[in-house]
Amino acid sequence: MSEAPAICTRGVTRDFKAGQQTITVLHGIDLDIRAGELTYLVGESGSGKTTMISIMCGILWPTEGEVKVFGTDIYELSDTELVEFRLNNIGFIFQQYNLIPAIDAASNAAVPLIAQGMDRHEARERAVEMMAKLNIADQADKLPNQLSGGQQQRVAIARALVHEPRLVVCDEPTAALDASSGRRVMDLLREVAVAEDRACIIVTHDNRVFDLADRILVLEDGKIIHDGTEMPEEH
């Protein structure tokens, strides 16, 4: 297992303005996410989970603190450098799927490869191969509005994994899936996203897959209150 952390955060704080008030969502979080592990981030709604992973991915700026992803201080990068870094190193599975409605499922899954400059035909073939691992290759030619919620989610997962990113960050990847499909997705994430030089962090409430985690972090009121291999009993 790699000694250097895949993600290193120091003193990460995030404030939001609500009218005249300032609300602190994250309180000075120090955290190392190790490569080679499937890490879950768990907590009640409003605990700061989505804010935390958005900061880890360079989508949301911290108010204070430092974030390094595979040794790169991502908030020291220019906007252009940050976009390129995310494209080449990070796969993000959004809770809302964020599929492009005007193109079919395979083309949606191929977007990261096309953005990297791959030939569209080759990118689409690679996307269909990844969709096959999720049992949705037969949906390749359908538009997003022709797919069920679970199928749309698996297209979004294929899109996040197709370019083999070093870091995969997932926001509730099994929320719209039945138990069998959810475990299949988690198995695929472990196969594709977890390796000596890769890491995967997953926000989830799904207790059906808690047993698959190598590490579980519990976030409460913007602070990490548990870091272990199992869920604490009170949760």
Protein backbone atom coordinates (compact mmCIF):
# COMPACT_ATOMS: atom_id res chain seq x y z
CA MET A 1 0.00 0.00 0.00
CA SER A 2 1.31 3.46 -0.87
CA GLU A 3 2.85 5.35 2.09
CA ALA A 4 1.94 8.84 0.87
CA PRO A 5 -1.77 9.66 1.21
CA ALA A 6 -3.87 9.94 -1.91
CA ILE A 7 -5.68 12.90 -0.31
CA CYS A 8 -4.26 15.04 2.46
CA THR A 9 -6.32 17.83 4.04
CA ARG A 10 -5.03 20.14 6.74
CA GLY A 11 -7.17 22.65 8.59
CA VAL A 12 -9.96 22.54 6.01
CA THR A 13 -12.76 24.90 6.98
CA ARG A 14 -15.71 25.94 4.86
CA ASP A 15 -18.06 28.83 5.63
CA PHE A 16 -21.26 29.79 3.85
CA LYS A 17 -23.13 33.07 4.04
CA ALA A 18 -26.81 32.89 4.96
CA GLY A 19 -28.10 36.44 4.89
CA GLN A 20 -26.13 38.30 7.56
CA GLN A 21 -25.01 35.04 9.16
CA THR A 22 -21.88 33.01 8.52
CA ILE A 23 -22.42 29.27 8.88
CA THR A 24 -19.37 27.05 9.29
CA VAL A 25 -20.02 23.68 7.64
CA LEU A 26 -16.54 22.18 8.07
CA HIS A 27 -14.36 22.82 11.11
CA GLY A 28 -10.62 22.56 10.44
CA ILE A 29 -10.54 19.00 9.14
CA ASP A 30 -7.22 17.13 9.08
CA LEU A 31 -7.57 13.93 7.08
CA ASP A 32 -5.48 11.48 5.09
CA ILE A 33 -7.19 9.20 2.55
CA ARG A 34 -4.91 6.31 1.68
CA ALA A 35 -4.50 4.76 -1.74
CA GLY A 36 -5.46 1.11 -1.95
CA GLU A 37 -8.51 1.52 0.28
CA LEU A 38 -12.25 1.83 -0.22
CA THR A 39 -13.18 4.63 2.17
CA TYR A 40 -16.74 5.52 3.16
CA LEU A 41 -17.80 8.94 4.42
CA VAL A 42 -20.96 8.62 6.50
CA GLY A 43 -23.10 11.10 8.40
CA GLU A 44 -26.52 12.65 8.74
CA SER A 45 -27.84 15.11 6.16
CA GLY A 46 -26.21 18.49 6.76
CA SER A 47 -23.11 17.04 8.41
CA GLY A 48 -20.85 18.36 5.63
CA LYS A 49 -20.20 15.21 3.58
CA THR A 50 -20.93 16.60 0.11
CA THR A 51 -19.08 19.81 0.94
CA MET A 52 -16.07 17.77 2.02
CA ILE A 53 -15.86 15.65 -1.11
CA SER A 54 -16.46 18.70 -3.32
CA ILE A 55 -13.43 20.35 -1.71
CA MET A 56 -11.37 17.17 -2.18
CA CYS A 57 -12.20 17.25 -5.90
CA GLY A 58 -11.45 20.91 -6.50
CA ILE A 59 -15.09 21.74 -7.16
CA LEU A 60 -15.59 23.90 -4.07
CA TRP A 61 -12.92 26.13 -2.52
CA PRO A 62 -12.20 25.81 1.21
CA THR A 63 -12.46 28.99 3.26
CA GLU A 64 -9.24 27.97 4.96
CA GLY A 65 -6.86 25.05 4.76
CA GLU A 66 -4.82 22.97 2.36
CA VAL A 67 -5.81 20.07 0.09
CA LYS A 68 -3.29 17.85 -1.65
CA VAL A 69 -4.35 15.15 -4.12
CA PHE A 70 -1.54 12.71 -4.89
CA GLY A 71 0.93 15.34 -3.70
CA THR A 72 -0.50 18.24 -5.74
CA ASP A 73 -1.85 21.22 -3.80
CA ILE A 74 -4.92 21.62 -5.99
CA TYR A 75 -5.80 25.09 -4.73
CA GLU A 76 -2.40 26.39 -5.81
CA LEU A 77 -3.26 25.53 -9.43
CA SER A 78 -4.66 28.01 -11.94
CA ASP A 79 -8.25 27.47 -13.08
CA THR A 80 -7.01 25.90 -16.32
CA GLU A 81 -4.53 23.66 -14.52
CA LEU A 82 -7.21 22.57 -12.04
CA VAL A 83 -9.62 21.60 -14.85
CA GLU A 84 -6.88 19.58 -16.53
CA PHE A 85 -5.87 17.94 -13.23
CA ARG A 86 -9.45 16.88 -12.50
CA LEU A 87 -9.89 15.56 -16.03
CA ASN A 88 -6.79 13.39 -15.83
CA ASN A 89 -6.94 12.28 -12.21
CA ILE A 90 -10.46 12.39 -10.77
CA GLY A 91 -13.72 10.61 -11.52
CA PHE A 92 -16.77 12.04 -9.76
CA ILE A 93 -20.10 10.22 -9.48
CA PHE A 94 -22.73 12.88 -8.81
CA GLN A 95 -25.89 12.12 -6.88
CA GLN A 96 -27.92 13.94 -9.60
CA TYR A 97 -26.23 11.97 -12.46
CA ASN A 98 -25.72 15.15 -14.59
CA LEU A 99 -26.10 13.32 -17.90
CA ILE A 100 -26.29 15.36 -21.12
CA PRO A 101 -29.90 14.94 -22.31
CA ALA A 102 -29.25 15.37 -26.05
CA ILE A 103 -26.74 12.51 -26.46
CA ASP A 104 -27.10 8.78 -25.92
CA ALA A 105 -25.86 6.77 -22.95
CA ALA A 106 -22.61 5.58 -24.52
CA SER A 107 -21.70 9.10 -25.63
CA ASN A 108 -22.39 10.35 -22.10
CA ALA A 109 -20.11 7.67 -20.66
CA ALA A 110 -17.40 8.57 -23.21
CA VAL A 111 -17.25 12.29 -22.32
CA PRO A 112 -14.01 12.15 -20.23
CA LEU A 113 -12.17 10.26 -22.97
CA ILE A 114 -13.32 12.69 -25.66
CA ALA A 115 -12.30 15.61 -23.44
CA GLN A 116 -8.84 14.02 -23.18
CA GLY A 117 -8.64 14.03 -26.99
CA MET A 118 -9.43 10.40 -27.81
CA ASP A 119 -11.07 9.63 -31.16
CA ARG A 120 -14.85 9.63 -30.67
CA HIS A 121 -15.35 6.16 -32.14
CA GLU A 122 -12.67 4.63 -29.90
CA ALA A 123 -13.97 6.54 -26.89
CA ARG A 124 -17.47 5.23 -27.49
CA GLU A 125 -16.18 1.65 -27.78
CA ARG A 126 -14.33 2.02 -24.49
CA ALA A 127 -17.46 3.46 -22.89
CA VAL A 128 -19.59 0.51 -24.04
CA GLU A 129 -17.00 -1.88 -22.58
CA MET A 130 -17.31 -0.15 -19.21
CA MET A 131 -21.10 -0.14 -19.48
CA ALA A 132 -20.97 -3.91 -20.08
CA LYS A 133 -19.30 -4.34 -16.69
CA LEU A 134 -22.35 -2.61 -15.21
CA ASN A 135 -24.79 -4.74 -17.25
CA ILE A 136 -26.13 -1.80 -19.30
CA ALA A 137 -24.32 -2.17 -22.63
CA ASP A 138 -27.70 -2.90 -24.21
CA GLN A 139 -28.78 0.65 -23.28
CA ALA A 140 -25.89 2.31 -25.13
CA ASP A 141 -28.00 3.93 -27.86
CA LYS A 142 -30.75 5.27 -25.59
CA LEU A 143 -31.11 8.87 -24.50
CA PRO A 144 -31.05 9.57 -20.75
CA ASN A 145 -34.81 10.21 -20.62
CA GLN A 146 -35.35 6.70 -22.01
CA LEU A 147 -33.52 5.12 -19.07
CA SER A 148 -34.68 4.29 -15.57
CA GLY A 149 -33.12 6.10 -12.62
CA GLY A 150 -30.94 3.10 -11.85
CA GLN A 151 -29.77 2.85 -15.46
CA GLN A 152 -28.95 6.56 -15.55
CA GLN A 153 -26.93 6.15 -12.38
CA ARG A 154 -24.92 3.28 -13.89
CA VAL A 155 -24.19 5.41 -16.97
CA ALA A 156 -22.91 8.10 -14.61
CA ILE A 157 -20.74 5.51 -12.87
CA ALA A 158 -19.38 4.29 -16.23
CA ARG A 159 -18.53 7.90 -17.12
CA ALA A 160 -16.63 8.32 -13.85
CA LEU A 161 -14.58 5.15 -14.34
CA VAL A 162 -14.00 5.02 -18.11
CA HIS A 163 -10.78 7.07 -18.08
CA GLU A 164 -9.33 5.06 -15.16
CA PRO A 165 -8.85 8.01 -12.79
CA ARG A 166 -6.47 7.78 -9.83
CA LEU A 167 -9.16 9.11 -7.48
CA VAL A 168 -12.86 8.20 -7.66
CA VAL A 169 -15.26 10.19 -5.48
CA CYS A 170 -18.87 9.06 -5.26
CA ASP A 171 -21.94 10.74 -3.79
CA GLU A 172 -24.49 8.01 -2.92
CA PRO A 173 -23.64 5.68 -5.87
CA THR A 174 -26.09 2.96 -4.77
CA ALA A 175 -29.03 5.20 -3.80
CA ALA A 176 -31.20 4.36 -6.82
CA LEU A 177 -30.18 0.69 -7.08
CA ASP A 178 -31.59 -2.52 -5.65
CA ALA A 179 -29.42 -4.55 -3.28
CA SER A 180 -27.98 -6.83 -5.96
CA SER A 181 -27.14 -3.99 -8.36
CA GLY A 182 -25.73 -1.92 -5.50
CA ARG A 183 -23.28 -4.63 -4.49
CA ARG A 184 -22.30 -5.17 -8.13
CA VAL A 185 -21.49 -1.47 -8.41
CA MET A 186 -19.46 -1.56 -5.20
CA ASP A 187 -17.56 -4.62 -6.43
CA LEU A 188 -16.79 -2.79 -9.67
CA LEU A 189 -15.61 0.30 -7.80
CA ARG A 190 -13.27 -1.90 -5.78
CA GLU A 191 -12.00 -3.60 -8.94
CA VAL A 192 -11.48 -0.43 -10.99
CA ALA A 193 -10.91 2.34 -8.46
CA VAL A 194 -8.97 0.70 -5.64
CA ALA A 195 -5.33 -0.16 -6.27
CA GLU A 196 -1.88 0.61 -4.87
CA ASP A 197 -1.85 3.93 -6.74
CA ARG A 198 -5.57 4.72 -6.64
CA ALA A 199 -8.18 5.63 -4.08
CA CYS A 200 -11.94 5.67 -3.81
CA ILE A 201 -14.03 7.63 -1.33
CA ILE A 202 -17.78 7.14 -1.15
CA VAL A 203 -20.49 9.15 0.56
CA THR A 204 -23.26 6.75 1.48
CA HIS A 205 -26.17 6.10 3.82
CA ASP A 206 -26.58 2.57 2.42
CA ASN A 207 -26.08 0.13 5.29
CA ARG A 208 -26.43 -2.76 2.82
CA VAL A 209 -22.85 -2.10 1.66
CA PHE A 210 -21.14 -0.98 4.86
CA ASP A 211 -19.41 -4.37 5.13
CA LEU A 212 -17.51 -3.73 1.86
CA ALA A 213 -15.58 -0.73 3.20
CA ASP A 214 -11.94 -0.87 4.25
CA ARG A 215 -12.41 2.29 6.29
CA ILE A 216 -15.42 4.23 7.56
CA LEU A 217 -15.27 7.90 8.52
CA VAL A 218 -18.24 9.43 10.34
CA LEU A 219 -18.80 13.16 9.93
CA GLU A 220 -20.97 15.04 12.43
CA ASP A 221 -21.50 18.81 12.52
CA GLY A 222 -18.51 19.33 10.23
CA LYS A 223 -16.09 17.25 12.30
CA ILE A 224 -14.82 13.67 11.93
CA ILE A 225 -15.98 11.83 15.04
CA HIS A 226 -15.08 8.26 14.02
CA ASP A 227 -12.37 6.66 11.92
CA GLY A 228 -12.37 2.86 11.84
CA THR A 229 -12.97 -0.33 9.91
CA GLU A 230 -16.61 -0.66 11.07
CA MET A 231 -19.55 1.60 11.82
CA PRO A 232 -19.80 2.58 15.49
CA GLU A 233 -22.81 1.00 17.22
CA GLU A 234 -24.55 4.31 17.93
CA HIS A 235 -24.81 4.92 14.17
